[in-house]
Amino acid sequence: MNEKKYFVLMKDGNDTTQVFHSKHPRGAALKAASRGETDISLRERGTNRVHVFTGEKKMVAKPASAPDWLPDKINKANVKKIRIDRI
């Protein structure tokens, strides 16, 4: 069961047009956080679950093992799962 799942971003209880796909909800939440979302609600298509996360995006220094073409500061997303709601 290595199939990717689809997660629809929700705002104010309504679906938006943004759809993220990943094997796990955290991967989709990281993608949403990297786009600047802070209060992340992801409805999993085909189920009655809404995964709720908080997210942030920070500017951090690039790692020592990074290639030369990468800029000195990069965006790093981080999320924390709050709960799963059932609809």
N, C-alpha and C. Protein backbone atom coordinates (compact mmCIF):
# COMPACT_ATOMS: atom_id res chain seq x y z
N MET A 1 0.83 -1.18 0.00
CA MET A 1 0.00 0.00 0.00
C MET A 1 0.88 1.25 0.00
N ASN A 2 1.63 1.45 -1.06
CA ASN A 2 2.53 2.58 -1.16
C ASN A 2 1.94 3.71 -2.00
N GLU A 3 0.63 3.74 -2.11
CA GLU A 3 0.00 4.75 -2.94
C GLU A 3 -0.05 6.08 -2.21
N LYS A 4 0.06 7.15 -2.99
CA LYS A 4 -0.04 8.48 -2.41
C LYS A 4 -1.50 8.82 -2.16
N LYS A 5 -1.73 9.63 -1.13
CA LYS A 5 -3.07 10.07 -0.79
C LYS A 5 -3.19 11.54 -1.14
N TYR A 6 -4.41 11.99 -1.33
CA TYR A 6 -4.67 13.38 -1.68
C TYR A 6 -5.29 14.09 -0.49
N PHE A 7 -4.78 15.28 -0.19
CA PHE A 7 -5.24 16.07 0.93
C PHE A 7 -5.64 17.45 0.42
N VAL A 8 -6.87 17.86 0.74
CA VAL A 8 -7.39 19.15 0.30
C VAL A 8 -7.24 20.14 1.45
N LEU A 9 -6.64 21.30 1.18
CA LEU A 9 -6.48 22.33 2.18
C LEU A 9 -7.83 22.97 2.46
N MET A 10 -8.17 23.12 3.75
CA MET A 10 -9.44 23.73 4.14
C MET A 10 -9.17 25.04 4.86
N LYS A 11 -10.02 26.03 4.59
CA LYS A 11 -9.98 27.31 5.31
C LYS A 11 -11.40 27.65 5.73
N ASP A 12 -11.56 27.97 7.01
CA ASP A 12 -12.88 28.32 7.58
C ASP A 12 -13.91 27.23 7.34
N GLY A 13 -13.49 25.97 7.37
CA GLY A 13 -14.40 24.85 7.22
C GLY A 13 -14.79 24.53 5.79
N ASN A 14 -14.23 25.24 4.82
CA ASN A 14 -14.55 25.00 3.41
C ASN A 14 -13.30 24.59 2.65
N ASP A 15 -13.48 23.76 1.64
CA ASP A 15 -12.36 23.33 0.80
C ASP A 15 -11.83 24.49 -0.02
N THR A 16 -10.52 24.49 -0.26
CA THR A 16 -9.91 25.43 -1.20
C THR A 16 -9.56 24.66 -2.46
N THR A 17 -8.92 25.33 -3.39
CA THR A 17 -8.53 24.65 -4.63
C THR A 17 -7.17 23.99 -4.52
N GLN A 18 -6.47 24.18 -3.40
CA GLN A 18 -5.14 23.59 -3.24
C GLN A 18 -5.25 22.14 -2.77
N VAL A 19 -4.61 21.25 -3.52
CA VAL A 19 -4.58 19.83 -3.20
C VAL A 19 -3.12 19.40 -3.12
N PHE A 20 -2.76 18.75 -2.04
CA PHE A 20 -1.40 18.24 -1.85
C PHE A 20 -1.47 16.73 -1.83
N HIS A 21 -0.47 16.06 -2.38
CA HIS A 21 -0.46 14.61 -2.33
C HIS A 21 0.83 14.13 -1.70
N SER A 22 0.68 13.12 -0.86
CA SER A 22 1.79 12.54 -0.12
C SER A 22 1.32 11.21 0.45
N LYS A 23 2.26 10.37 0.88
CA LYS A 23 1.88 9.11 1.51
C LYS A 23 1.26 9.34 2.88
N HIS A 24 1.76 10.37 3.59
CA HIS A 24 1.32 10.64 4.95
C HIS A 24 0.84 12.09 5.06
N PRO A 25 -0.07 12.36 5.99
CA PRO A 25 -0.58 13.72 6.11
C PRO A 25 0.50 14.74 6.49
N ARG A 26 1.52 14.33 7.22
CA ARG A 26 2.58 15.26 7.61
C ARG A 26 3.32 15.80 6.40
N GLY A 27 3.54 14.97 5.40
CA GLY A 27 4.20 15.42 4.18
C GLY A 27 3.41 16.49 3.46
N ALA A 28 2.09 16.30 3.41
CA ALA A 28 1.23 17.30 2.79
C ALA A 28 1.22 18.58 3.62
N ALA A 29 1.24 18.44 4.94
CA ALA A 29 1.25 19.62 5.82
C ALA A 29 2.56 20.39 5.67
N LEU A 30 3.68 19.70 5.49
CA LEU A 30 4.95 20.38 5.26
C LEU A 30 4.92 21.18 3.96
N LYS A 31 4.29 20.63 2.95
CA LYS A 31 4.17 21.35 1.68
C LYS A 31 3.32 22.61 1.86
N ALA A 32 2.24 22.51 2.63
CA ALA A 32 1.40 23.67 2.89
C ALA A 32 2.15 24.71 3.72
N ALA A 33 2.91 24.27 4.71
CA ALA A 33 3.67 25.19 5.56
C ALA A 33 4.75 25.89 4.76
N SER A 34 5.36 25.21 3.81
CA SER A 34 6.40 25.83 3.00
C SER A 34 5.82 26.91 2.09
N ARG A 35 4.52 26.90 1.89
CA ARG A 35 3.85 27.93 1.10
C ARG A 35 3.31 29.05 1.99
N GLY A 36 3.62 29.00 3.30
CA GLY A 36 3.26 30.10 4.18
C GLY A 36 2.03 29.88 5.03
N GLU A 37 1.40 28.73 4.98
CA GLU A 37 0.21 28.46 5.80
C GLU A 37 0.64 28.21 7.25
N THR A 38 -0.13 28.73 8.21
CA THR A 38 0.19 28.50 9.63
C THR A 38 -0.85 27.62 10.31
N ASP A 39 -2.14 27.85 10.06
CA ASP A 39 -3.20 26.99 10.59
C ASP A 39 -3.64 26.08 9.45
N ILE A 40 -3.23 24.82 9.53
CA ILE A 40 -3.39 23.91 8.40
C ILE A 40 -4.43 22.84 8.75
N SER A 41 -5.51 22.79 7.96
CA SER A 41 -6.51 21.73 8.06
C SER A 41 -6.54 21.01 6.72
N LEU A 42 -6.22 19.73 6.73
CA LEU A 42 -6.15 18.95 5.51
C LEU A 42 -7.21 17.85 5.54
N ARG A 43 -8.15 17.91 4.59
CA ARG A 43 -9.17 16.87 4.48
C ARG A 43 -8.62 15.78 3.58
N GLU A 44 -8.63 14.56 4.10
CA GLU A 44 -8.14 13.42 3.33
C GLU A 44 -9.25 12.94 2.41
N ARG A 45 -8.99 12.95 1.12
CA ARG A 45 -10.01 12.53 0.15
C ARG A 45 -10.36 11.07 0.34
N GLY A 46 -11.65 10.77 0.24
CA GLY A 46 -12.11 9.39 0.33
C GLY A 46 -12.34 8.92 1.75
N THR A 47 -12.10 9.77 2.75
CA THR A 47 -12.33 9.40 4.14
C THR A 47 -13.11 10.53 4.82
N ASN A 48 -13.39 10.35 6.10
CA ASN A 48 -14.09 11.39 6.86
C ASN A 48 -13.14 12.10 7.82
N ARG A 49 -11.83 12.09 7.52
CA ARG A 49 -10.83 12.64 8.43
C ARG A 49 -10.33 14.00 7.96
N VAL A 50 -10.15 14.90 8.94
CA VAL A 50 -9.50 16.19 8.70
C VAL A 50 -8.32 16.26 9.66
N HIS A 51 -7.12 16.32 9.12
CA HIS A 51 -5.90 16.40 9.91
C HIS A 51 -5.59 17.86 10.17
N VAL A 52 -5.42 18.22 11.44
CA VAL A 52 -5.20 19.61 11.83
C VAL A 52 -3.76 19.76 12.34
N PHE A 53 -3.04 20.73 11.76
CA PHE A 53 -1.64 21.00 12.09
C PHE A 53 -1.46 22.49 12.35
N THR A 54 -0.38 22.82 13.06
CA THR A 54 0.13 24.19 13.07
C THR A 54 1.46 24.15 12.35
N GLY A 55 1.76 25.20 11.61
CA GLY A 55 2.97 25.21 10.82
C GLY A 55 3.69 26.53 10.89
N GLU A 56 4.95 26.48 10.53
CA GLU A 56 5.75 27.70 10.46
C GLU A 56 6.83 27.52 9.40
N LYS A 57 7.34 28.66 8.94
CA LYS A 57 8.41 28.66 7.96
C LYS A 57 9.49 29.61 8.48
N LYS A 58 10.73 29.13 8.55
CA LYS A 58 11.84 29.93 9.06
C LYS A 58 12.96 29.99 8.02
N MET A 59 13.71 31.08 8.09
CA MET A 59 14.93 31.21 7.30
C MET A 59 16.08 30.69 8.14
N VAL A 60 16.80 29.68 7.65
CA VAL A 60 17.92 29.10 8.37
C VAL A 60 19.15 29.06 7.45
N ALA A 61 20.30 28.92 8.07
CA ALA A 61 21.52 28.81 7.29
C ALA A 61 21.56 27.46 6.57
N LYS A 62 22.17 27.45 5.39
CA LYS A 62 22.23 26.19 4.65
C LYS A 62 23.17 25.22 5.36
N PRO A 63 22.93 23.92 5.22
CA PRO A 63 23.80 22.93 5.86
C PRO A 63 25.19 22.93 5.23
N ALA A 64 26.15 22.40 5.96
CA ALA A 64 27.54 22.34 5.47
C ALA A 64 27.67 21.45 4.24
N SER A 65 26.81 20.45 4.13
CA SER A 65 26.90 19.52 3.00
C SER A 65 26.11 19.99 1.78
N ALA A 66 25.57 21.21 1.83
CA ALA A 66 24.74 21.72 0.73
C ALA A 66 25.61 22.06 -0.49
N PRO A 67 25.04 21.97 -1.69
CA PRO A 67 25.81 22.33 -2.89
C PRO A 67 26.08 23.84 -2.94
N ASP A 68 27.05 24.23 -3.74
CA ASP A 68 27.47 25.63 -3.82
C ASP A 68 26.38 26.55 -4.38
N TRP A 69 25.53 26.03 -5.27
CA TRP A 69 24.54 26.89 -5.90
C TRP A 69 23.39 27.25 -4.96
N LEU A 70 23.27 26.55 -3.83
CA LEU A 70 22.21 26.85 -2.87
C LEU A 70 22.53 28.15 -2.14
N PRO A 71 21.54 29.04 -1.95
CA PRO A 71 21.82 30.30 -1.26
C PRO A 71 22.21 30.07 0.20
N ASP A 72 22.81 31.10 0.83
CA ASP A 72 23.28 30.98 2.21
C ASP A 72 22.14 30.78 3.20
N LYS A 73 20.97 31.34 2.93
CA LYS A 73 19.79 31.17 3.79
C LYS A 73 18.71 30.45 3.00
N ILE A 74 18.08 29.45 3.62
CA ILE A 74 17.01 28.70 2.97
C ILE A 74 15.78 28.68 3.86
N ASN A 75 14.61 28.46 3.25
CA ASN A 75 13.35 28.33 4.01
C ASN A 75 13.23 26.91 4.53
N LYS A 76 12.88 26.78 5.80
CA LYS A 76 12.69 25.47 6.43
C LYS A 76 11.31 25.44 7.04
N ALA A 77 10.48 24.50 6.64
CA ALA A 77 9.13 24.35 7.17
C ALA A 77 9.12 23.36 8.32
N ASN A 78 8.23 23.61 9.29
CA ASN A 78 8.05 22.72 10.42
C ASN A 78 6.57 22.68 10.77
N VAL A 79 6.05 21.49 11.10
CA VAL A 79 4.64 21.36 11.46
C VAL A 79 4.50 20.53 12.73
N LYS A 80 3.39 20.73 13.42
CA LYS A 80 3.06 19.94 14.60
C LYS A 80 1.59 19.55 14.50
N LYS A 81 1.34 18.25 14.65
CA LYS A 81 -0.03 17.76 14.55
C LYS A 81 -0.78 18.05 15.84
N ILE A 82 -1.98 18.60 15.70
CA ILE A 82 -2.82 18.95 16.83
C ILE A 82 -3.85 17.85 17.11
N ARG A 83 -4.57 17.47 16.05
CA ARG A 83 -5.64 16.47 16.24
C ARG A 83 -6.13 15.98 14.88
N ILE A 84 -7.02 14.99 14.94
CA ILE A 84 -7.75 14.53 13.75
C ILE A 84 -9.22 14.72 14.03
N ASP A 85 -9.91 15.47 13.18
CA ASP A 85 -11.34 15.69 13.31
C ASP A 85 -12.08 14.73 12.37
N ARG A 86 -13.25 14.33 12.76
CA ARG A 86 -14.11 13.49 11.90
C ARG A 86 -15.27 14.35 11.41
N ILE A 87 -15.54 14.24 10.11
CA ILE A 87 -16.67 14.99 9.56
C ILE A 87 -17.73 14.06 9.05
